[in-house]
Protein backbone atom coordinates (compact mmCIF):
# COMPACT_ATOMS: atom_id res chain seq x y z
CA MET A 1 -123.98 -6.87 170.17
CA ILE A 2 -121.88 -3.69 171.48
CA GLN A 3 -119.11 -4.73 170.02
CA ARG A 4 -120.40 -6.10 166.71
CA MET A 5 -122.33 -2.48 166.17
CA LEU A 6 -119.05 -0.76 166.76
CA HIS A 7 -117.33 -3.11 164.11
CA GLU A 8 -119.85 -2.52 161.83
CA MET A 9 -119.62 1.41 162.15
CA GLU A 10 -116.12 1.79 162.21
CA GLN A 11 -115.07 -0.32 159.02
CA GLY A 12 -112.95 1.38 156.89
CA LEU A 13 -112.02 4.34 158.93
CA ASN A 14 -108.73 5.80 158.36
CA PRO A 15 -108.05 4.57 154.64
CA GLU A 16 -104.71 5.32 153.20
CA ILE A 17 -106.09 8.25 150.87
CA HIS A 18 -104.87 11.20 149.95
CA LEU A 19 -107.50 13.62 150.23
CA VAL A 20 -107.42 17.19 147.79
CA VAL A 21 -110.16 19.80 148.43
CA GLN A 22 -110.63 22.28 145.60
CA TYR A 23 -112.71 25.65 146.47
CA ALA A 24 -114.64 26.86 143.49
CA GLU A 25 -116.63 30.17 143.03
CA GLU A 26 -119.15 30.15 139.96
CA GLY A 27 -117.52 27.68 138.05
CA THR A 28 -113.46 28.80 138.73
CA VAL A 29 -111.74 26.64 141.23
CA LEU A 30 -109.98 29.53 142.85
CA TRP A 31 -107.64 27.06 145.58
CA GLU A 32 -106.72 23.27 146.07
CA GLU A 33 -104.99 21.97 148.86
CA GLU A 34 -104.35 18.36 150.23
CA THR A 35 -106.31 17.64 153.71
CA ASP A 36 -106.65 15.34 156.62
CA GLU A 37 -109.33 17.85 158.33
CA ILE A 38 -112.08 15.44 156.77
CA GLN A 39 -112.83 11.79 158.47
CA LEU A 40 -112.72 9.56 155.49
CA GLN A 41 -114.13 5.36 155.72
CA ILE A 42 -114.05 3.19 152.75
CA VAL A 43 -116.80 0.60 152.80
CA ASP A 44 -118.24 -1.99 150.33
CA ASN A 45 -115.73 -0.12 147.96
CA VAL A 46 -117.52 3.66 148.68
CA VAL A 47 -115.43 6.35 149.88
CA TYR A 48 -117.77 8.29 152.82
CA ALA A 49 -116.45 11.64 154.22
CA SER A 50 -118.32 13.48 157.51
CA ILE A 51 -120.52 15.97 156.27
CA LYS A 52 -119.94 18.09 158.96
CA ASP A 53 -116.14 17.76 158.50
CA ILE A 54 -116.74 19.19 154.48
CA TYR A 55 -118.87 22.32 155.83
CA ASP A 56 -116.07 22.60 158.18
CA VAL A 57 -113.44 22.76 155.56
CA GLU A 58 -115.57 25.02 153.14
CA ARG A 59 -116.56 27.65 155.70
CA ARG A 60 -112.58 27.30 156.29
CA LEU A 61 -111.90 28.10 152.19
CA ILE A 62 -114.51 30.61 151.98
CA LYS A 63 -113.08 32.53 154.66
CA ASP A 64 -109.22 32.42 153.61
CA HIS A 65 -110.04 32.55 149.89
CA GLY A 66 -113.54 33.90 149.12
CA THR A 67 -114.01 36.87 147.01
CA GLU A 68 -116.10 40.02 147.81
CA HIS A 69 -119.03 38.14 147.93
CA THR A 70 -118.15 35.74 150.39
CA ASN A 71 -116.43 37.85 152.42
CA ASN A 72 -119.42 40.49 152.52
CA PRO A 73 -119.81 41.59 156.17
CA LEU A 74 -123.62 40.53 156.27
CA TRP A 75 -122.27 36.50 155.75
CA ASN A 76 -121.66 35.49 159.46
CA ILE A 77 -118.70 32.82 158.48
CA ASN A 78 -116.91 33.36 161.79
CA ASP A 79 -120.17 33.30 164.18
CA PRO A 80 -119.55 29.87 165.95
CA TYR A 81 -123.24 29.52 165.84
CA SER A 82 -123.49 29.51 162.36
CA GLU A 83 -123.41 25.95 162.41
CA MET A 84 -126.11 23.46 163.62
CA TRP A 85 -126.86 19.88 164.14
CA TRP A 86 -129.93 18.26 164.90
CA PRO A 87 -128.85 14.67 165.77
CA ILE A 88 -132.94 13.19 166.28
CA GLN A 89 -134.17 15.11 163.04
CA GLN A 90 -130.75 14.71 161.24
CA ILE A 91 -130.94 17.80 159.81
CA TYR A 92 -128.03 20.32 159.58
CA CYS A 93 -128.21 23.67 159.15
CA ILE A 94 -125.79 26.55 157.98
CA SER A 95 -126.27 29.83 158.91
CA MET A 96 -124.89 31.89 155.77
CA ILE A 97 -126.33 35.23 156.44
CA SER A 98 -127.62 37.33 159.08
CA GLN A 99 -130.51 35.58 160.67
CA THR A 100 -130.76 33.02 157.84
CA CYS A 101 -130.74 29.71 158.32
CA ALA A 102 -130.17 27.19 155.00
CA PHE A 103 -131.69 23.75 155.65
CA PHE A 104 -129.96 20.30 154.98
CA ASP A 105 -131.91 17.44 155.46
CA TYR A 106 -129.26 14.04 155.52
CA ARG A 107 -130.50 11.06 157.37
CA MET A 108 -128.25 8.11 158.48
CA GLY A 109 -129.41 5.22 156.41
CA ASP A 110 -131.28 7.15 153.70
CA THR A 111 -130.48 7.45 150.10
CA GLY A 112 -132.68 10.44 150.19
CA TYR A 113 -131.64 14.17 151.09
CA VAL A 114 -133.28 17.59 150.90
CA THR A 115 -130.96 20.43 150.06
CA GLU A 116 -131.61 24.20 151.42
CA SER A 117 -133.35 25.44 148.57
CA GLY A 118 -136.07 22.02 149.12
CA LEU A 119 -134.93 19.80 146.30
CA ALA A 120 -135.13 16.12 146.85
CA ARG A 121 -131.82 14.40 145.76
CA GLN A 122 -130.76 11.24 145.75
CA PHE A 123 -126.79 9.64 147.30
CA HIS A 124 -126.21 6.37 144.85
CA THR A 125 -125.90 4.51 148.46
CA PRO A 126 -127.31 5.23 151.64
CA ALA A 127 -125.65 7.84 153.88
CA ARG A 128 -123.69 6.19 157.43
CA ALA A 129 -122.96 7.08 160.86
CA LEU A 130 -119.94 7.13 162.35
CA TYR A 131 -120.08 8.17 166.28
CA GLY A 132 -123.20 10.39 165.66
CA GLU A 133 -121.61 12.24 162.69
CA VAL A 134 -123.38 11.60 158.90
CA MET A 135 -121.18 10.04 156.65
CA ILE A 136 -121.98 10.46 152.93
CA PRO A 137 -121.00 8.89 149.95
CA VAL A 138 -118.54 10.77 147.83
CA CYS A 139 -117.18 8.31 145.72
CA ASP A 140 -118.08 4.82 144.23
CA LEU A 141 -114.43 3.07 143.74
CA SER A 142 -116.61 0.51 141.49
CA HIS A 143 -117.44 3.48 139.15
CA PRO A 144 -114.96 6.38 139.57
CA ASP A 145 -115.38 10.05 138.62
CA SER A 146 -112.29 10.98 136.57
CA GLN A 147 -112.98 14.67 137.52
CA PRO A 148 -114.76 16.08 140.54
CA GLN A 149 -118.23 16.94 140.47
CA GLY A 150 -119.87 19.65 142.54
CA SER A 151 -123.44 21.71 142.48
CA TRP A 152 -123.86 25.05 143.33
CA TYR A 153 -126.69 23.99 146.21
CA GLN A 154 -123.18 23.10 147.70
CA ASP A 155 -124.62 19.41 148.69
CA ASP A 156 -123.38 17.49 145.78
CA TRP A 157 -120.42 15.92 145.99
CA HIS A 158 -118.79 13.05 143.56
CA GLY A 159 -115.24 13.16 144.23
CA ALA A 160 -112.52 12.14 141.45
CA TRP A 161 -110.48 9.18 142.30
CA ASP A 162 -106.92 8.80 140.96
CA ALA A 163 -106.10 5.04 141.67
CA ASP A 164 -102.47 5.39 140.93
CA THR A 165 -101.87 8.34 143.45
CA ASN A 166 -104.56 7.04 146.23
CA THR A 167 -106.09 10.24 145.85
CA LEU A 168 -109.65 11.83 146.19
CA THR A 169 -110.40 15.00 144.93
CA LEU A 170 -113.65 17.02 146.00
CA LEU A 171 -115.15 20.24 144.73
CA LEU A 172 -116.43 22.41 147.45
CA TYR A 173 -118.22 24.88 145.38
CA TYR A 174 -119.75 28.13 146.16
CA HIS A 175 -122.51 29.60 144.08
CA VAL A 176 -122.81 33.55 145.04
CA GLN A 177 -125.75 34.82 145.45
CA THR A 178 -127.37 38.50 145.79
CA PHE A 179 -129.15 39.26 148.85
CA VAL A 180 -131.02 42.28 149.70
CA GLY A 181 -129.18 44.95 151.40
CA SER A 182 -125.96 42.98 150.45
């Protein structure tokens, strides 16, 4: 029983995919790089990515390449407690500004999820689990996009697929928000 569960969970791990991430603010791509920091798997012709890894890379890119808006001292991007995952509730929190937390509700096995602004959204296929981490669908290889799509809600990843180079490109999109006191 356990072997079968592990086999199902681990299927499609470590695919031979080149992963490129683009970091954009307000619709302008500021940085692009190849990375192996995001765990990927392919199941039923859908590429899944670890949501925690996506946020880790996005946070690093904000820190390294963000503008004056994302480098505002009110942002606690360097705080090790700025990310929290509650596995039982399956809620992910990113603390982006002093004492404020943006909640993203991703549930393993569900297509629906809720953004930090409370919007209900849908994936095209259910999120998966990999060793207790949420894996979200980022590209349907049966109907791939030619350009990566992102959302200023920082929650909507539709990767672009280049079959000739076996490359997946994810757009990590940051929307500059103005906070009182910033």
